[in-house]
PDB file of all heavy atoms in Angstrom:
ATOM      1  N   PHE A   1     113.669  87.919  94.683  1.00  0.00           N
ATOM      2  CA  PHE A   1     112.319  88.458  94.859  1.00  0.00           C
ATOM      3  C   PHE A   1     111.564  87.724  95.961  1.00  0.00           C
ATOM      4  O   PHE A   1     110.808  88.334  96.724  1.00  0.00           O
ATOM      5  CB  PHE A   1     111.545  88.369  93.549  1.00  0.00           C
ATOM      6  CG  PHE A   1     112.086  89.243  92.461  1.00  0.00           C
ATOM      7  CD1 PHE A   1     112.710  88.690  91.348  1.00  0.00           C
ATOM      8  CD2 PHE A   1     111.986  90.626  92.540  1.00  0.00           C
ATOM      9  CE1 PHE A   1     113.211  89.489  90.341  1.00  0.00           C
ATOM     10  CE2 PHE A   1     112.489  91.441  91.545  1.00  0.00           C
ATOM     11  CZ  PHE A   1     113.099  90.872  90.439  1.00  0.00           C
ATOM     12  N   VAL A   2     111.742  86.418  96.040  1.00  0.00           N
ATOM     13  CA  VAL A   2     111.049  85.638  97.066  1.00  0.00           C
ATOM     14  C   VAL A   2     111.515  86.057  98.458  1.00  0.00           C
ATOM     15  O   VAL A   2     110.690  86.222  99.370  1.00  0.00           O
ATOM     16  CB  VAL A   2     111.280  84.128  96.851  1.00  0.00           C
ATOM     17  CG1 VAL A   2     110.801  83.325  98.058  1.00  0.00           C
ATOM     18  CG2 VAL A   2     110.545  83.654  95.602  1.00  0.00           C
ATOM     19  N   TYR A   3     112.817  86.253  98.647  1.00  0.00           N
ATOM     20  CA  TYR A   3     113.303  86.670  99.967  1.00  0.00           C
ATOM     21  C   TYR A   3     112.732  88.025 100.354  1.00  0.00           C
ATOM     22  O   TYR A   3     112.304  88.225 101.508  1.00  0.00           O
ATOM     23  CB  TYR A   3     114.832  86.732  99.998  1.00  0.00           C
ATOM     24  CG  TYR A   3     115.366  87.146 101.357  1.00  0.00           C
ATOM     25  CD1 TYR A   3     115.506  86.209 102.371  1.00  0.00           C
ATOM     26  CD2 TYR A   3     115.680  88.474 101.627  1.00  0.00           C
ATOM     27  CE1 TYR A   3     115.965  86.580 103.633  1.00  0.00           C
ATOM     28  CE2 TYR A   3     116.133  88.867 102.886  1.00  0.00           C
ATOM     29  CZ  TYR A   3     116.266  87.914 103.877  1.00  0.00           C
ATOM     30  OH  TYR A   3     116.705  88.290 105.131  1.00  0.00           O
ATOM     31  N   ALA A   4     112.692  88.948  99.406  1.00  0.00           N
ATOM     32  CA  ALA A   4     112.152  90.280  99.710  1.00  0.00           C
ATOM     33  C   ALA A   4     110.679  90.195 100.109  1.00  0.00           C
ATOM     34  O   ALA A   4     110.247  90.819 101.084  1.00  0.00           O
ATOM     35  CB  ALA A   4     112.333  91.203  98.501  1.00  0.00           C
ATOM     36  N   SER A   5     109.901  89.422  99.366  1.00  0.00           N
ATOM     37  CA  SER A   5     108.478  89.301  99.674  1.00  0.00           C
ATOM     38  C   SER A   5     108.261  88.562 100.988  1.00  0.00           C
ATOM     39  O   SER A   5     107.378  88.916 101.782  1.00  0.00           O
ATOM     40  CB  SER A   5     107.741  88.584  98.534  1.00  0.00           C
ATOM     41  OG  SER A   5     108.218  87.268  98.363  1.00  0.00           O
ATOM     42  N   LEU A   6     109.078  87.533 101.248  1.00  0.00           N
ATOM     43  CA  LEU A   6     108.969  86.801 102.510  1.00  0.00           C
ATOM     44  C   LEU A   6     109.300  87.691 103.696  1.00  0.00           C
ATOM     45  O   LEU A   6     108.605  87.666 104.724  1.00  0.00           O
ATOM     46  CB  LEU A   6     109.922  85.597 102.498  1.00  0.00           C
ATOM     47  CG  LEU A   6     109.472  84.351 101.743  1.00  0.00           C
ATOM     48  CD1 LEU A   6     110.635  83.385 101.609  1.00  0.00           C
ATOM     49  CD2 LEU A   6     108.326  83.677 102.457  1.00  0.00           C
ATOM     50  N   ALA A   7     110.358  88.482 103.580  1.00  0.00           N
ATOM     51  CA  ALA A   7     110.757  89.357 104.682  1.00  0.00           C
ATOM     52  C   ALA A   7     109.652  90.354 105.018  1.00  0.00           C
ATOM     53  O   ALA A   7     109.308  90.553 106.193  1.00  0.00           O
ATOM     54  CB  ALA A   7     112.052  90.091 104.319  1.00  0.00           C
ATOM     55  N   LEU A   8     109.077  90.982 103.996  1.00  0.00           N
ATOM     56  CA  LEU A   8     107.987  91.931 104.223  1.00  0.00           C
ATOM     57  C   LEU A   8     106.778  91.234 104.827  1.00  0.00           C
ATOM     58  O   LEU A   8     106.134  91.753 105.747  1.00  0.00           O
ATOM     59  CB  LEU A   8     107.601  92.612 102.900  1.00  0.00           C
ATOM     60  CG  LEU A   8     108.634  93.569 102.307  1.00  0.00           C
ATOM     61  CD1 LEU A   8     108.187  94.039 100.927  1.00  0.00           C
ATOM     62  CD2 LEU A   8     108.843  94.765 103.227  1.00  0.00           C
ATOM     63  N   TYR A   9     106.463  90.062 104.308  1.00  0.00           N
ATOM     64  CA  TYR A   9     105.289  89.323 104.781  1.00  0.00           C
ATOM     65  C   TYR A   9     105.446  88.896 106.234  1.00  0.00           C
ATOM     66  O   TYR A   9     104.544  89.106 107.060  1.00  0.00           O
ATOM     67  CB  TYR A   9     105.078  88.106 103.888  1.00  0.00           C
ATOM     68  CG  TYR A   9     103.937  87.214 104.324  1.00  0.00           C
ATOM     69  CD1 TYR A   9     102.612  87.578 104.101  1.00  0.00           C
ATOM     70  CD2 TYR A   9     104.192  86.010 104.966  1.00  0.00           C
ATOM     71  CE1 TYR A   9     101.571  86.762 104.501  1.00  0.00           C
ATOM     72  CE2 TYR A   9     103.156  85.187 105.374  1.00  0.00           C
ATOM     73  CZ  TYR A   9     101.847  85.565 105.135  1.00  0.00           C
ATOM     74  OH  TYR A   9     100.822  84.757 105.541  1.00  0.00           O
ATOM     75  N   TYR A  10     106.600  88.324 106.573  1.00  0.00           N
ATOM     76  CA  TYR A  10     106.797  87.846 107.942  1.00  0.00           C
ATOM     77  C   TYR A  10     106.943  88.995 108.931  1.00  0.00           C
ATOM     78  O   TYR A  10     106.539  88.876 110.096  1.00  0.00           O
ATOM     79  CB  TYR A  10     108.005  86.917 108.011  1.00  0.00           C
ATOM     80  CG  TYR A  10     107.765  85.583 107.346  1.00  0.00           C
ATOM     81  CD1 TYR A  10     108.726  84.987 106.531  1.00  0.00           C
ATOM     82  CD2 TYR A  10     106.565  84.903 107.532  1.00  0.00           C
ATOM     83  CE1 TYR A  10     108.500  83.765 105.922  1.00  0.00           C
ATOM     84  CE2 TYR A  10     106.332  83.676 106.916  1.00  0.00           C
ATOM     85  CZ  TYR A  10     107.303  83.125 106.110  1.00  0.00           C
ATOM     86  OH  TYR A  10     107.065  81.912 105.502  1.00  0.00           O
ATOM     87  N   LEU A  11     107.507  90.112 108.499  1.00  0.00           N
ATOM     88  CA  LEU A  11     107.560  91.290 109.363  1.00  0.00           C
ATOM     89  C   LEU A  11     106.151  91.737 109.754  1.00  0.00           C
ATOM     90  O   LEU A  11     105.909  92.198 110.870  1.00  0.00           O
ATOM     91  CB  LEU A  11     108.285  92.439 108.648  1.00  0.00           C
ATOM     92  CG  LEU A  11     109.806  92.496 108.797  1.00  0.00           C
ATOM     93  CD1 LEU A  11     110.389  93.534 107.858  1.00  0.00           C
ATOM     94  CD2 LEU A  11     110.174  92.821 110.249  1.00  0.00           C
ATOM     95  N   ALA A  12     105.217  91.577 108.813  1.00  0.00           N
ATOM     96  CA  ALA A  12     103.847  92.039 109.040  1.00  0.00           C
ATOM     97  C   ALA A  12     102.996  91.034 109.806  1.00  0.00           C
ATOM     98  O   ALA A  12     102.030  91.427 110.471  1.00  0.00           O
ATOM     99  CB  ALA A  12     103.183  92.360 107.698  1.00  0.00           C
ATOM    100  N   THR A  13     103.334  89.750 109.721  1.00  0.00           N
ATOM    101  CA  THR A  13     102.414  88.737 110.252  1.00  0.00           C
ATOM    102  C   THR A  13     102.915  87.972 111.477  1.00  0.00           C
ATOM    103  O   THR A  13     102.096  87.377 112.183  1.00  0.00           O
ATOM    104  CB  THR A  13     102.077  87.694 109.170  1.00  0.00           C
ATOM    105  OG1 THR A  13     103.293  87.042 108.740  1.00  0.00           O
ATOM    106  CG2 THR A  13     101.425  88.359 107.969  1.00  0.00           C
ATOM    107  N   LEU A  14     104.208  87.970 111.748  1.00  0.00           N
ATOM    108  CA  LEU A  14     104.714  87.136 112.834  1.00  0.00           C
ATOM    109  C   LEU A  14     104.265  87.603 114.218  1.00  0.00           C
ATOM    110  O   LEU A  14     104.335  86.852 115.180  1.00  0.00           O
ATOM    111  CB  LEU A  14     106.244  87.073 112.792  1.00  0.00           C
ATOM    112  CG  LEU A  14     106.833  86.132 111.739  1.00  0.00           C
ATOM    113  CD1 LEU A  14     108.346  86.150 111.793  1.00  0.00           C
ATOM    114  CD2 LEU A  14     106.326  84.701 111.947  1.00  0.00           C
ATOM    115  N   ARG A  15     103.800  88.832 114.326  1.00  0.00           N
ATOM    116  CA  ARG A  15     103.335  89.334 115.613  1.00  0.00           C
ATOM    117  C   ARG A  15     101.889  88.937 115.904  1.00  0.00           C
ATOM    118  O   ARG A  15     101.370  89.202 116.988  1.00  0.00           O
ATOM    119  CB  ARG A  15     103.475  90.854 115.667  1.00  0.00           C
ATOM    120  CG  ARG A  15     104.929  91.334 115.628  1.00  0.00           C
ATOM    121  CD  ARG A  15     105.033  92.837 115.779  1.00  0.00           C
ATOM    122  NE  ARG A  15     106.413  93.274 115.721  1.00  0.00           N
ATOM    123  CZ  ARG A  15     107.237  93.291 116.764  1.00  0.00           C
ATOM    124  NH1 ARG A  15     106.818  92.885 117.945  1.00  0.00           N
ATOM    125  NH2 ARG A  15     108.483  93.701 116.640  1.00  0.00           N
ATOM    126  N   ILE A  16     101.218  88.331 114.922  1.00  0.00           N
ATOM    127  CA  ILE A  16      99.833  87.909 115.114  1.00  0.00           C
ATOM    128  C   ILE A  16      99.803  86.646 115.968  1.00  0.00           C
ATOM    129  O   ILE A  16     100.497  85.674 115.680  1.00  0.00           O
ATOM    130  CB  ILE A  16      99.142  87.664 113.763  1.00  0.00           C
ATOM    131  CG1 ILE A  16      99.127  88.960 112.952  1.00  0.00           C
ATOM    132  CG2 ILE A  16      97.726  87.151 113.955  1.00  0.00           C
ATOM    133  CD1 ILE A  16      98.575  88.809 111.555  1.00  0.00           C
ATOM    134  N   SER A  17      99.007  86.644 117.005  1.00  0.00           N
ATOM    135  CA  SER A  17      98.947  85.527 117.945  1.00  0.00           C
ATOM    136  C   SER A  17      98.049  84.413 117.422  1.00  0.00           C
ATOM    137  O   SER A  17      96.877  84.650 117.093  1.00  0.00           O
ATOM    138  CB  SER A  17      98.434  86.011 119.300  1.00  0.00           C
ATOM    139  OG  SER A  17      98.144  84.930 120.150  1.00  0.00           O
ATOM    140  N   ALA A  18      98.583  83.196 117.362  1.00  0.00           N
ATOM    141  CA  ALA A  18      97.784  82.040 116.946  1.00  0.00           C
ATOM    142  C   ALA A  18      96.669  81.775 117.946  1.00  0.00           C
ATOM    143  O   ALA A  18      95.560  81.372 117.580  1.00  0.00           O
ATOM    144  CB  ALA A  18      98.681  80.812 116.813  1.00  0.00           C
ATOM    145  N   GLU A  19      96.968  82.020 119.226  1.00  0.00           N
ATOM    146  CA  GLU A  19      95.948  81.814 120.262  1.00  0.00           C
ATOM    147  C   GLU A  19      94.787  82.785 120.086  1.00  0.00           C
ATOM    148  O   GLU A  19      93.617  82.416 120.282  1.00  0.00           O
ATOM    149  CB  GLU A  19      96.566  81.978 121.653  1.00  0.00           C
ATOM    150  CG  GLU A  19      97.524  80.887 122.057  1.00  0.00           C
ATOM    151  CD  GLU A  19      98.878  80.989 121.363  1.00  0.00           C
ATOM    152  OE1 GLU A  19      99.169  82.066 120.799  1.00  0.00           O
ATOM    153  OE2 GLU A  19      99.631  79.999 121.367  1.00  0.00           O
ATOM    154  N   ALA A  20      95.105  84.027 119.732  1.00  0.00           N
ATOM    155  CA  ALA A  20      94.043  85.022 119.529  1.00  0.00           C
ATOM    156  C   ALA A  20      93.153  84.641 118.350  1.00  0.00           C
ATOM    157  O   ALA A  20      91.921  84.799 118.403  1.00  0.00           O
ATOM    158  CB  ALA A  20      94.663  86.398 119.298  1.00  0.00           C
ATOM    159  N   ILE A  21      93.765  84.125 117.289  1.00  0.00           N
ATOM    160  CA  ILE A  21      92.988  83.690 116.128  1.00  0.00           C
ATOM    161  C   ILE A  21      92.075  82.526 116.511  1.00  0.00           C
ATOM    162  O   ILE A  21      90.891  82.508 116.160  1.00  0.00           O
ATOM    163  CB  ILE A  21      93.929  83.282 114.974  1.00  0.00           C
ATOM    164  CG1 ILE A  21      94.696  84.502 114.462  1.00  0.00           C
ATOM    165  CG2 ILE A  21      93.138  82.637 113.839  1.00  0.00           C
ATOM    166  CD1 ILE A  21      95.744  84.166 113.427  1.00  0.00           C
ATOM    167  N   SER A  22      92.623  81.561 117.237  1.00  0.00           N
ATOM    168  CA  SER A  22      91.842  80.399 117.658  1.00  0.00           C
ATOM    169  C   SER A  22      90.687  80.823 118.561  1.00  0.00           C
ATOM    170  O   SER A  22      89.561  80.313 118.437  1.00  0.00           O
ATOM    171  CB  SER A  22      92.738  79.409 118.398  1.00  0.00           C
ATOM    172  OG  SER A  22      93.809  78.999 117.586  1.00  0.00           O
ATOM    173  N   ARG A  23      90.958  81.768 119.456  1.00  0.00           N
ATOM    174  CA  ARG A  23      89.930  82.244 120.370  1.00  0.00           C
ATOM    175  C   ARG A  23      88.797  82.925 119.605  1.00  0.00           C
ATOM    176  O   ARG A  23      87.606  82.723 119.889  1.00  0.00           O
ATOM    177  CB  ARG A  23      90.550  83.212 121.380  1.00  0.00           C
ATOM    178  CG  ARG A  23      89.681  83.470 122.616  1.00  0.00           C
ATOM    179  CD  ARG A  23      90.361  84.442 123.559  1.00  0.00           C
ATOM    180  NE  ARG A  23      91.741  84.075 123.824  1.00  0.00           N
ATOM    181  CZ  ARG A  23      92.783  84.810 123.475  1.00  0.00           C
ATOM    182  NH1 ARG A  23      92.619  85.962 122.828  1.00  0.00           N
ATOM    183  NH2 ARG A  23      94.003  84.418 123.759  1.00  0.00           N
ATOM    184  N   PHE A  24      89.163  83.725 118.608  1.00  0.00           N
ATOM    185  CA  PHE A  24      88.147  84.430 117.818  1.00  0.00           C
ATOM    186  C   PHE A  24      87.284  83.432 117.041  1.00  0.00           C
ATOM    187  O   PHE A  24      86.060  83.572 116.966  1.00  0.00           O
ATOM    188  CB  PHE A  24      88.825  85.395 116.846  1.00  0.00           C
ATOM    189  CG  PHE A  24      87.861  86.166 115.990  1.00  0.00           C
ATOM    190  CD1 PHE A  24      87.319  87.357 116.428  1.00  0.00           C
ATOM    191  CD2 PHE A  24      87.486  85.695 114.729  1.00  0.00           C
ATOM    192  CE1 PHE A  24      86.421  88.074 115.647  1.00  0.00           C
ATOM    193  CE2 PHE A  24      86.590  86.392 113.940  1.00  0.00           C
ATOM    194  CZ  PHE A  24      86.063  87.591 114.397  1.00  0.00           C
ATOM    195  N   MET A  25      87.924  82.419 116.461  1.00  0.00           N
ATOM    196  CA  MET A  25      87.176  81.420 115.697  1.00  0.00           C
ATOM    197  C   MET A  25      86.223  80.638 116.590  1.00  0.00           C
ATOM    198  O   MET A  25      85.117  80.295 116.193  1.00  0.00           O
ATOM    199  CB  MET A  25      88.149  80.468 114.989  1.00  0.00           C
ATOM    200  CG  MET A  25      88.993  81.132 113.917  1.00  0.00           C
ATOM    201  SD  MET A  25      90.160  80.003 113.124  1.00  0.00           S
ATOM    202  CE  MET A  25      89.051  78.986 112.173  1.00  0.00           C
ATOM    203  N   ASN A  26      86.670  80.365 117.813  1.00  0.00           N
ATOM    204  CA  ASN A  26      85.834  79.624 118.747  1.00  0.00           C
ATOM    205  C   ASN A  26      84.641  80.457 119.211  1.00  0.00           C
ATOM    206  O   ASN A  26      83.531  79.939 119.397  1.00  0.00           O
ATOM    207  CB  ASN A  26      86.667  79.186 119.952  1.00  0.00           C
ATOM    208  CG  ASN A  26      85.945  78.185 120.827  1.00  0.00           C
ATOM    209  OD1 ASN A  26      85.147  77.399 120.343  1.00  0.00           O
ATOM    210  ND2 ASN A  26      86.241  78.206 122.114  1.00  0.00           N
ATOM    211  N   GLN A  27      84.851  81.772 119.363  1.00  0.00           N
ATOM    212  CA  GLN A  27      83.801  82.654 119.856  1.00  0.00           C
ATOM    213  C   GLN A  27      82.857  83.134 118.755  1.00  0.00           C
ATOM    214  O   GLN A  27      81.764  83.613 119.040  1.00  0.00           O
ATOM    215  CB  GLN A  27      84.428  83.868 120.550  1.00  0.00           C
ATOM    216  CG  GLN A  27      85.196  83.514 121.822  1.00  0.00           C
ATOM    217  CD  GLN A  27      85.953  84.698 122.398  1.00  0.00           C
ATOM    218  OE1 GLN A  27      86.011  85.767 121.785  1.00  0.00           O
ATOM    219  NE2 GLN A  27      86.547  84.509 123.582  1.00  0.00           N
ATOM    220  N   HIS A  28      83.281  83.026 117.492  1.00  0.00           N
ATOM    221  CA  HIS A  28      82.466  83.494 116.366  1.00  0.00           C
ATOM    222  C   HIS A  28      82.345  82.384 115.324  1.00  0.00           C
ATOM    223  O   HIS A  28      82.944  82.473 114.238  1.00  0.00           O
ATOM    224  CB  HIS A  28      83.076  84.745 115.736  1.00  0.00           C
ATOM    225  CG  HIS A  28      83.237  85.889 116.691  1.00  0.00           C
ATOM    226  ND1 HIS A  28      84.326  85.992 117.536  1.00  0.00           N
ATOM    227  CD2 HIS A  28      82.437  86.973 116.948  1.00  0.00           C
ATOM    228  CE1 HIS A  28      84.202  87.100 118.252  1.00  0.00           C
ATOM    229  NE2 HIS A  28      83.083  87.697 117.928  1.00  0.00           N
ATOM    230  N   PRO A  29      81.582  81.337 115.611  1.00  0.00           N
ATOM    231  CA  PRO A  29      81.468  80.214 114.676  1.00  0.00           C
ATOM    232  C   PRO A  29      80.864  80.595 113.333  1.00  0.00           C
ATOM    233  O   PRO A  29      81.095  79.908 112.337  1.00  0.00           O
ATOM    234  CB  PRO A  29      80.571  79.218 115.436  1.00  0.00           C
ATOM    235  CG  PRO A  29      79.845  80.051 116.444  1.00  0.00           C
ATOM    236  CD  PRO A  29      80.791  81.134 116.835  1.00  0.00           C
ATOM    237  N   VAL A  30      80.117  81.706 113.303  1.00  0.00           N
ATOM    238  CA  VAL A  30      79.518  82.152 112.040  1.00  0.00           C
ATOM    239  C   VAL A  30      80.607  82.520 111.037  1.00  0.00           C
ATOM    240  O   VAL A  30      80.480  82.276 109.837  1.00  0.00           O
ATOM    241  CB  VAL A  30      78.581  83.356 112.276  1.00  0.00           C
ATOM    242  CG1 VAL A  30      78.056  83.892 110.953  1.00  0.00           C
ATOM    243  CG2 VAL A  30      77.427  82.958 113.186  1.00  0.00           C
ATOM    244  N   TYR A  31      81.695  83.112 111.535  1.00  0.00           N
ATOM    245  CA  TYR A  31      82.778  83.555 110.657  1.00  0.00           C
ATOM    246  C   TYR A  31      83.892  82.521 110.518  1.00  0.00           C
ATOM    247  O   TYR A  31      84.876  82.745 109.815  1.00  0.00           O
ATOM    248  CB  TYR A  31      83.387  84.862 111.181  1.00  0.00           C
ATOM    249  CG  TYR A  31      82.384  85.945 111.450  1.00  0.00           C
ATOM    250  CD1 TYR A  31      82.193  86.442 112.734  1.00  0.00           C
ATOM    251  CD2 TYR A  31      81.616  86.473 110.421  1.00  0.00           C
ATOM    252  CE1 TYR A  31      81.269  87.445 112.991  1.00  0.00           C
ATOM    253  CE2 TYR A  31      80.683  87.471 110.663  1.00  0.00           C
ATOM    254  CZ  TYR A  31      80.517  87.943 111.954  1.00  0.00           C
ATOM    255  OH  TYR A  31      79.594  88.928 112.184  1.00  0.00           O
ATOM    256  N   GLU A  32      83.742  81.400 111.224  1.00  0.00           N
ATOM    257  CA  GLU A  32      84.827  80.431 111.335  1.00  0.00           C
ATOM    258  C   GLU A  32      85.317  79.924 109.978  1.00  0.00           C
ATOM    259  O   GLU A  32      86.520  79.972 109.681  1.00  0.00           O
ATOM    260  CB  GLU A  32      84.363  79.248 112.183  1.00  0.00           C
ATOM    261  CG  GLU A  32      85.405  78.167 112.349  1.00  0.00           C
ATOM    262  CD  GLU A  32      84.808  76.878 112.878  1.00  0.00           C
ATOM    263  OE1 GLU A  32      83.741  76.462 112.362  1.00  0.00           O
ATOM    264  OE2 GLU A  32      85.411  76.291 113.770  1.00  0.00           O
ATOM    265  N   VAL A  33      84.420  79.453 109.136  1.00  0.00           N
ATOM    266  CA  VAL A  33      84.812  78.863 107.855  1.00  0.00           C
ATOM    267  C   VAL A  33      85.437  79.913 106.940  1.00  0.00           C
ATOM    268  O   VAL A  33      86.473  79.664 106.312  1.00  0.00           O
ATOM    269  CB  VAL A  33      83.597  78.199 107.175  1.00  0.00           C
ATOM    270  CG1 VAL A  33      83.960  77.768 105.757  1.00  0.00           C
ATOM    271  CG2 VAL A  33      83.126  77.006 107.979  1.00  0.00           C
ATOM    272  N   GLY A  34      84.833  81.089 106.867  1.00  0.00           N
ATOM    273  CA  GLY A  34      85.392  82.153 106.030  1.00  0.00           C
ATOM    274  C   GLY A  34      86.762  82.587 106.497  1.00  0.00           C
ATOM    275  O   GLY A  34      87.668  82.811 105.679  1.00  0.00           O
ATOM    276  N   LEU A  35      86.941  82.710 107.822  1.00  0.00           N
ATOM    277  CA  LEU A  35      88.241  83.091 108.363  1.00  0.00           C
ATOM    278  C   LEU A  35      89.271  82.004 108.082  1.00  0.00           C
ATOM    279  O   LEU A  35      90.427  82.299 107.746  1.00  0.00           O
ATOM    280  CB  LEU A  35      88.136  83.338 109.866  1.00  0.00           C
ATOM    281  CG  LEU A  35      89.446  83.708 110.583  1.00  0.00           C
ATOM    282  CD1 LEU A  35      90.062  84.960 109.966  1.00  0.00           C
ATOM    283  CD2 LEU A  35      89.204  83.915 112.073  1.00  0.00           C
TER     284      LEU A  35
END
């Protein structure tokens, strides 16, 4: 079950850019803590 859930999760999230997340947090400090 863990492998199945991990595969689905990583398929959905590995394309998300860490740089884009960091940039958004830097540009929107109001949402930073919640994000």
